[in-house]
């Protein structure tokens, strides 16, 4: 009987141990890496924001499971020399919080960013979105056109993905209960064990910087709340992307698209060329590289965003 009780209790003890490890790891990460910016409350979220520079405004949006630190390899500082640059952790990501019950869909996130633009008095900024941040930037421009002066899209998600990249499969757990259980037990130790493999896949064919876990904010993705927010972001896409794609022909702001030819996460023909074919006047630029261009090729990305910002200034100055 005693042996049977031990056998029955063993899974519970294992899960409890994993939950304790996850909680301790998250606390240590947040103590070691405190938020570097300030917070702005908007409907549905408390957003972590970093600002620098002066001049024409640029709003930087990161991708899935990311945070503002993805722009810390030179993009943020380079642009801040001649622009007012605002980088924001999207709702639930990085140091930002998503209010309980607030949706993760593109429209809800775009509405939160529209409110942020108003609160920070950014006027009609150039909105630079990387990966999933590109889809949100497009939604912002279509649903709040008075808030966006130009788009600078870096390896953007623009069309429906029939299958998620292998490295994001865990985010697709359908059951909310199982997803939460996974986030608080297996997600963190699994990410630690497979971290190098995941980074290699996301950065391919380029190499991830050795300091990416700290300088690039990669360690923040080990926290369960970041896993749950990223999962919600990804699972909200199928219900909203088709309607977004159907409206691309209505975009009326200067739009630039930058893609790496060897991007292993999002194919440039399916997301870059396909968008350029639908958006009047959109400019597609191809470079040698992978998906994480803001980290691997920051001078090139900063130059691309700055050129899009100049198109914004010119368009707003035109009679």
Protein backbone atom coordinates (compact mmCIF):
# COMPACT_ATOMS: atom_id res chain seq x y z
CA UNK A 1 0.00 0.00 0.00
CA UNK A 2 2.83 2.38 0.89
CA UNK A 3 4.61 1.65 -2.40
CA UNK A 4 1.37 2.25 -4.30
CA UNK A 5 0.91 5.62 -2.59
CA UNK A 6 4.46 6.60 -3.47
CA UNK A 7 3.90 5.61 -7.10
CA UNK A 8 0.66 7.60 -7.23
CA UNK A 9 2.25 10.62 -5.56
CA UNK A 10 5.37 10.62 -7.71
CA UNK A 11 3.88 12.50 -10.73
CA UNK A 12 2.47 15.15 -8.40
CA UNK A 13 5.84 15.57 -6.72
CA UNK A 14 7.58 15.84 -10.09
CA UNK A 15 5.14 18.51 -11.29
CA UNK A 16 5.49 20.39 -8.02
CA UNK A 17 9.26 20.32 -8.38
CA UNK A 18 9.08 21.61 -11.94
CA UNK A 19 6.69 24.39 -10.90
CA UNK A 20 9.04 25.40 -8.08
CA UNK A 21 12.01 25.46 -10.49
CA UNK A 22 10.01 27.51 -13.01
CA UNK A 23 8.90 30.03 -10.39
CA UNK A 24 12.43 30.39 -8.99
CA UNK A 25 13.92 30.81 -12.46
CA UNK A 26 11.41 33.50 -13.43
CA UNK A 27 12.05 35.42 -10.20
CA UNK A 28 15.81 35.28 -10.71
CA UNK A 29 15.55 36.48 -14.31
CA UNK A 30 13.38 39.45 -13.38
CA UNK A 31 15.69 40.35 -10.47
CA UNK A 32 18.77 40.17 -12.69
CA UNK A 33 17.17 41.96 -15.66
CA UNK A 34 14.94 44.79 -14.35
CA UNK A 35 12.84 46.83 -16.76
CA UNK A 36 15.01 49.57 -18.31
CA UNK A 37 12.17 51.84 -19.42
CA UNK A 38 8.94 53.29 -18.06
CA UNK A 39 5.31 52.17 -18.13
CA UNK A 40 2.26 53.60 -19.86
CA UNK A 41 -1.27 52.40 -19.11
CA UNK A 42 -3.53 51.94 -22.13
CA UNK A 43 -6.85 50.11 -22.54
CA UNK A 44 -6.19 46.41 -21.99
CA UNK A 45 -2.52 46.64 -21.08
CA UNK A 46 0.31 48.23 -19.14
CA UNK A 47 3.04 48.83 -21.69
CA UNK A 48 6.77 48.98 -21.05
CA UNK A 49 8.27 51.74 -23.19
CA UNK A 50 11.78 52.98 -23.93
CA UNK A 51 12.41 56.37 -25.54
CA UNK A 52 15.44 58.25 -26.85
CA UNK A 53 16.35 61.02 -29.28
CA UNK A 54 14.39 63.80 -30.91
CA UNK A 55 13.04 64.47 -34.37
CA UNK A 56 10.54 62.59 -36.55
CA UNK A 57 8.97 59.82 -34.48
CA UNK A 58 9.61 56.10 -35.03
CA UNK A 59 7.75 53.34 -33.18
CA UNK A 60 9.55 49.96 -33.00
CA UNK A 61 7.51 46.74 -32.64
CA UNK A 62 9.15 43.37 -31.93
CA UNK A 63 8.02 39.94 -33.06
CA UNK A 64 6.63 36.78 -31.48
CA UNK A 65 8.10 35.93 -28.05
CA UNK A 66 10.35 38.99 -28.29
CA UNK A 67 10.86 42.32 -26.56
CA UNK A 68 12.47 45.71 -27.13
CA UNK A 69 15.96 44.31 -26.51
CA UNK A 70 15.87 42.84 -30.02
CA UNK A 71 16.63 46.38 -31.19
CA UNK A 72 19.57 46.81 -28.79
CA UNK A 73 22.26 45.65 -31.22
CA UNK A 74 22.38 49.08 -32.82
CA UNK A 75 18.98 49.78 -34.40
CA UNK A 76 17.59 51.75 -31.43
CA UNK A 77 20.71 53.85 -30.84
CA UNK A 78 21.44 54.48 -34.52
CA UNK A 79 17.92 55.76 -35.18
CA UNK A 80 17.90 57.88 -32.01
CA UNK A 81 20.66 60.09 -33.43
CA UNK A 82 18.16 61.80 -35.74
CA UNK A 83 14.74 60.64 -34.57
CA UNK A 84 12.53 60.33 -31.55
CA UNK A 85 12.57 56.55 -31.13
CA UNK A 86 10.02 54.68 -29.03
CA UNK A 87 10.41 50.92 -28.54
CA UNK A 88 7.55 49.10 -26.84
CA UNK A 89 7.06 45.63 -25.42
CA UNK A 90 3.79 44.46 -26.95
CA UNK A 91 0.99 43.50 -24.52
CA UNK A 92 2.08 40.49 -22.46
CA UNK A 93 5.61 40.44 -23.86
CA UNK A 94 8.85 41.54 -22.24
CA UNK A 95 7.98 43.69 -19.25
CA UNK A 96 4.51 44.69 -20.50
CA UNK A 97 1.36 43.24 -18.99
CA UNK A 98 -1.86 42.23 -20.69
CA UNK A 99 -4.94 42.82 -18.57
CA UNK A 100 -6.84 39.67 -17.54
CA UNK A 101 -9.49 38.93 -20.12
CA UNK A 102 -7.93 41.20 -22.74
CA UNK A 103 -7.70 39.57 -26.17
CA UNK A 104 -4.42 38.89 -27.99
CA UNK A 105 -5.70 39.43 -31.52
CA UNK A 106 -4.16 41.89 -33.98
CA UNK A 107 -6.92 44.48 -33.66
CA UNK A 108 -6.75 44.60 -29.86
CA UNK A 109 -2.99 45.02 -29.89
CA UNK A 110 -3.21 47.68 -32.59
CA UNK A 111 -5.78 49.59 -30.52
CA UNK A 112 -3.43 49.54 -27.52
CA UNK A 113 -0.63 50.94 -29.68
CA UNK A 114 -2.92 53.63 -31.12
CA UNK A 115 -3.64 54.73 -27.55
CA UNK A 116 0.09 54.74 -26.81
CA UNK A 117 0.74 56.97 -29.83
CA UNK A 118 -1.82 59.43 -28.49
CA UNK A 119 -0.49 59.39 -24.93
CA UNK A 120 3.10 59.96 -26.07
CA UNK A 121 2.05 62.59 -28.64
CA UNK A 122 3.90 60.85 -31.46
CA UNK A 123 1.72 62.34 -34.19
CA UNK A 124 1.91 60.04 -37.23
CA UNK A 125 5.10 58.05 -36.60
CA UNK A 126 6.90 55.67 -38.89
CA UNK A 127 5.95 52.26 -37.48
CA UNK A 128 8.68 49.66 -37.84
CA UNK A 129 7.47 46.11 -37.19
CA UNK A 130 9.57 42.94 -37.15
CA UNK A 131 7.98 39.53 -37.84
CA UNK A 132 4.63 39.39 -35.96
CA UNK A 133 5.21 43.06 -35.19
CA UNK A 134 4.83 43.61 -38.93
CA UNK A 135 1.32 42.14 -38.93
CA UNK A 136 0.40 44.39 -36.00
CA UNK A 137 1.92 47.43 -37.74
CA UNK A 138 -0.18 46.66 -40.82
CA UNK A 139 -3.31 46.33 -38.67
CA UNK A 140 -2.52 49.62 -36.96
CA UNK A 141 -2.16 51.40 -40.32
CA UNK A 142 -5.42 49.97 -41.65
CA UNK A 143 -7.60 50.35 -38.57
CA UNK A 144 -6.09 53.59 -37.22
CA UNK A 145 -4.80 55.31 -40.38
CA UNK A 146 -4.57 58.70 -38.69
CA UNK A 147 -1.92 57.26 -36.31
CA UNK A 148 0.58 56.01 -38.92
CA UNK A 149 2.66 58.03 -41.36
CA UNK A 150 4.69 55.20 -42.93
CA UNK A 151 5.47 51.50 -42.48
CA UNK A 152 8.92 49.93 -42.26
CA UNK A 153 8.33 46.17 -42.20
CA UNK A 154 11.24 43.87 -41.37
CA UNK A 155 10.71 40.18 -42.22
CA UNK A 156 6.99 40.73 -41.55
CA UNK A 157 4.29 38.13 -41.13
CA UNK A 158 1.74 39.23 -43.75
CA UNK A 159 -0.24 36.15 -44.81
CA UNK A 160 -1.77 33.05 -43.27
CA UNK A 161 0.76 30.41 -42.23
CA UNK A 162 -0.52 26.91 -43.02
CA UNK A 163 1.88 25.43 -40.47
CA UNK A 164 3.77 26.94 -37.56
CA UNK A 165 7.57 26.82 -37.65
CA UNK A 166 8.83 23.77 -35.74
CA UNK A 167 10.44 25.92 -33.02
CA UNK A 168 7.03 27.40 -32.13
CA UNK A 169 5.07 24.12 -31.98
CA UNK A 170 4.73 24.20 -28.18
CA UNK A 171 2.90 27.53 -28.44
CA UNK A 172 0.14 25.77 -30.39
CA UNK A 173 -1.18 23.69 -27.44
CA UNK A 174 -4.94 24.10 -27.87
CA UNK A 175 -6.24 23.38 -24.37
CA UNK A 176 -5.93 26.43 -22.07
CA UNK A 177 -5.53 24.14 -19.04
CA UNK A 178 -2.80 22.05 -20.63
CA UNK A 179 -1.11 25.18 -21.98
CA UNK A 180 -0.97 26.68 -18.50
CA UNK A 181 0.25 23.41 -16.97
CA UNK A 182 2.98 23.17 -19.62
CA UNK A 183 4.00 26.80 -19.08
CA UNK A 184 4.48 26.27 -15.35
CA UNK A 185 6.20 22.89 -15.52
CA UNK A 186 7.95 21.83 -18.73
CA UNK A 187 8.30 25.01 -20.79
CA UNK A 188 11.11 26.62 -18.81
CA UNK A 189 13.38 23.58 -18.30
CA UNK A 190 12.66 22.51 -21.88
CA UNK A 191 13.63 25.94 -23.22
CA UNK A 192 16.83 25.90 -21.16
CA UNK A 193 17.76 22.46 -22.44
CA UNK A 194 16.95 23.21 -26.07
CA UNK A 195 17.83 26.88 -26.15
CA UNK A 196 20.83 26.63 -28.47
CA UNK A 197 18.87 24.56 -30.96
CA UNK A 198 15.96 27.01 -30.96
CA UNK A 199 18.20 30.04 -31.45
CA UNK A 200 20.03 28.29 -34.28
CA UNK A 201 16.71 27.66 -36.04
CA UNK A 202 15.35 31.19 -35.53
CA UNK A 203 18.58 32.90 -36.65
CA UNK A 204 19.48 30.51 -39.49
CA UNK A 205 21.51 30.77 -41.63
CA UNK A 206 23.14 33.48 -39.50
CA UNK A 207 24.53 32.81 -36.05
CA UNK A 208 22.89 34.03 -32.87
CA UNK A 209 25.15 36.34 -30.84
CA UNK A 210 26.57 34.63 -27.76
CA UNK A 211 25.23 37.44 -25.58
CA UNK A 212 21.69 37.24 -26.96
CA UNK A 213 20.19 35.65 -23.79
CA UNK A 214 21.04 38.81 -21.83
CA UNK A 215 21.67 41.65 -24.27
CA UNK A 216 18.93 40.51 -26.63
CA UNK A 217 16.50 39.68 -23.83
CA UNK A 218 16.33 35.99 -24.71
CA UNK A 219 16.17 34.96 -21.06
CA UNK A 220 12.89 36.82 -20.62
CA UNK A 221 11.28 34.20 -22.86
CA UNK A 222 11.94 31.56 -20.19
CA UNK A 223 9.21 32.96 -17.93
CA UNK A 224 5.82 31.21 -17.97
CA UNK A 225 3.86 34.43 -18.48
CA UNK A 226 5.86 35.18 -21.61
CA UNK A 227 5.15 31.67 -22.91
CA UNK A 228 1.41 32.11 -22.29
CA UNK A 229 1.33 35.56 -23.91
CA UNK A 230 3.24 34.33 -26.97
CA UNK A 231 0.93 31.34 -27.26
CA UNK A 232 -2.11 33.61 -27.13
CA UNK A 233 -0.54 35.86 -29.79
CA UNK A 234 0.04 32.96 -32.14
CA UNK A 235 -3.29 31.24 -31.61
CA UNK A 236 -5.20 34.45 -32.32
CA UNK A 237 -3.70 34.76 -35.81
CA UNK A 238 -5.81 32.30 -37.86
CA UNK A 239 -9.03 34.10 -37.00
CA UNK A 240 -7.71 37.53 -37.98
CA UNK A 241 -5.10 37.21 -40.74
CA UNK A 242 -7.55 36.56 -43.63
CA UNK A 243 -9.46 39.77 -42.93
CA UNK A 244 -6.18 41.69 -42.70
CA UNK A 245 -4.94 40.33 -46.04
CA UNK A 246 -8.20 41.31 -47.73
CA UNK A 247 -7.61 44.98 -46.85
CA UNK A 248 -4.03 45.40 -48.07
CA UNK A 249 -5.13 47.21 -51.20
CA UNK A 250 -6.52 50.00 -49.02
CA UNK A 251 -3.17 50.93 -47.46
CA UNK A 252 -2.44 54.56 -48.21
CA UNK A 253 0.90 55.19 -46.47
CA UNK A 254 4.46 54.76 -47.76
CA UNK A 255 5.36 51.12 -47.15
CA UNK A 256 8.79 49.53 -47.19
CA UNK A 257 9.46 45.80 -46.78
CA UNK A 258 12.86 44.31 -45.92
CA UNK A 259 13.49 40.57 -46.13
CA UNK A 260 16.39 38.16 -45.88
CA UNK A 261 16.53 35.79 -48.83
CA UNK A 262 17.45 32.89 -46.55
CA UNK A 263 14.81 33.54 -43.87
CA UNK A 264 14.03 30.12 -42.35
CA UNK A 265 10.98 31.28 -40.35
CA UNK A 266 8.95 33.26 -42.91
CA UNK A 267 9.43 32.83 -46.65
CA UNK A 268 10.07 36.16 -48.40
CA UNK A 269 8.00 35.23 -51.46
CA UNK A 270 4.93 34.28 -49.39
CA UNK A 271 5.13 37.26 -47.04
CA UNK A 272 7.32 39.91 -48.65
CA UNK A 273 6.61 39.70 -52.36
CA UNK A 274 2.98 38.74 -51.77
CA UNK A 275 2.47 41.90 -49.69
CA UNK A 276 4.28 44.14 -52.18
CA UNK A 277 2.02 42.80 -54.93
CA UNK A 278 -1.08 43.93 -53.01
CA UNK A 279 -0.02 47.26 -51.49
CA UNK A 280 0.08 50.27 -53.84
CA UNK A 281 3.60 51.68 -54.03
CA UNK A 282 5.15 49.19 -51.61
CA UNK A 283 8.90 48.68 -51.97
CA UNK A 284 10.44 45.27 -51.32
CA UNK A 285 14.16 45.06 -50.56
CA UNK A 286 15.98 41.73 -50.38
CA UNK A 287 19.28 41.14 -48.60
CA UNK A 288 21.39 38.13 -47.81
CA UNK A 289 20.40 36.96 -44.34
CA UNK A 290 17.85 35.25 -42.15
CA UNK A 291 14.91 36.22 -39.97
CA UNK A 292 16.58 38.13 -37.13
CA UNK A 293 17.91 41.06 -39.15
CA UNK A 294 17.54 43.64 -36.33
CA UNK A 295 20.05 41.58 -34.33
CA UNK A 296 22.35 40.26 -37.06
CA UNK A 297 22.43 43.29 -39.39
CA UNK A 298 21.49 46.37 -37.31
CA UNK A 299 23.15 49.07 -39.50
CA UNK A 300 21.27 47.80 -42.54
CA UNK A 301 17.95 47.72 -40.65
CA UNK A 302 18.50 51.17 -39.14
CA UNK A 303 19.24 52.60 -42.59
CA UNK A 304 16.11 50.95 -44.01
CA UNK A 305 13.88 52.35 -41.25
CA UNK A 306 15.45 55.80 -41.55
CA UNK A 307 14.74 55.85 -45.31
CA UNK A 308 11.13 54.90 -44.64
CA UNK A 309 10.96 57.71 -42.08
CA UNK A 310 12.20 60.18 -44.70
CA UNK A 311 9.40 59.07 -46.99
CA UNK A 312 7.00 59.71 -44.11
CA UNK A 313 8.32 63.26 -43.62
CA UNK A 314 8.10 63.96 -47.35
CA UNK A 315 4.56 62.59 -47.60
CA UNK A 316 3.32 64.66 -44.65
CA UNK A 317 4.97 67.80 -46.06
CA UNK A 318 3.34 67.36 -49.47
CA UNK A 319 0.35 69.61 -50.18
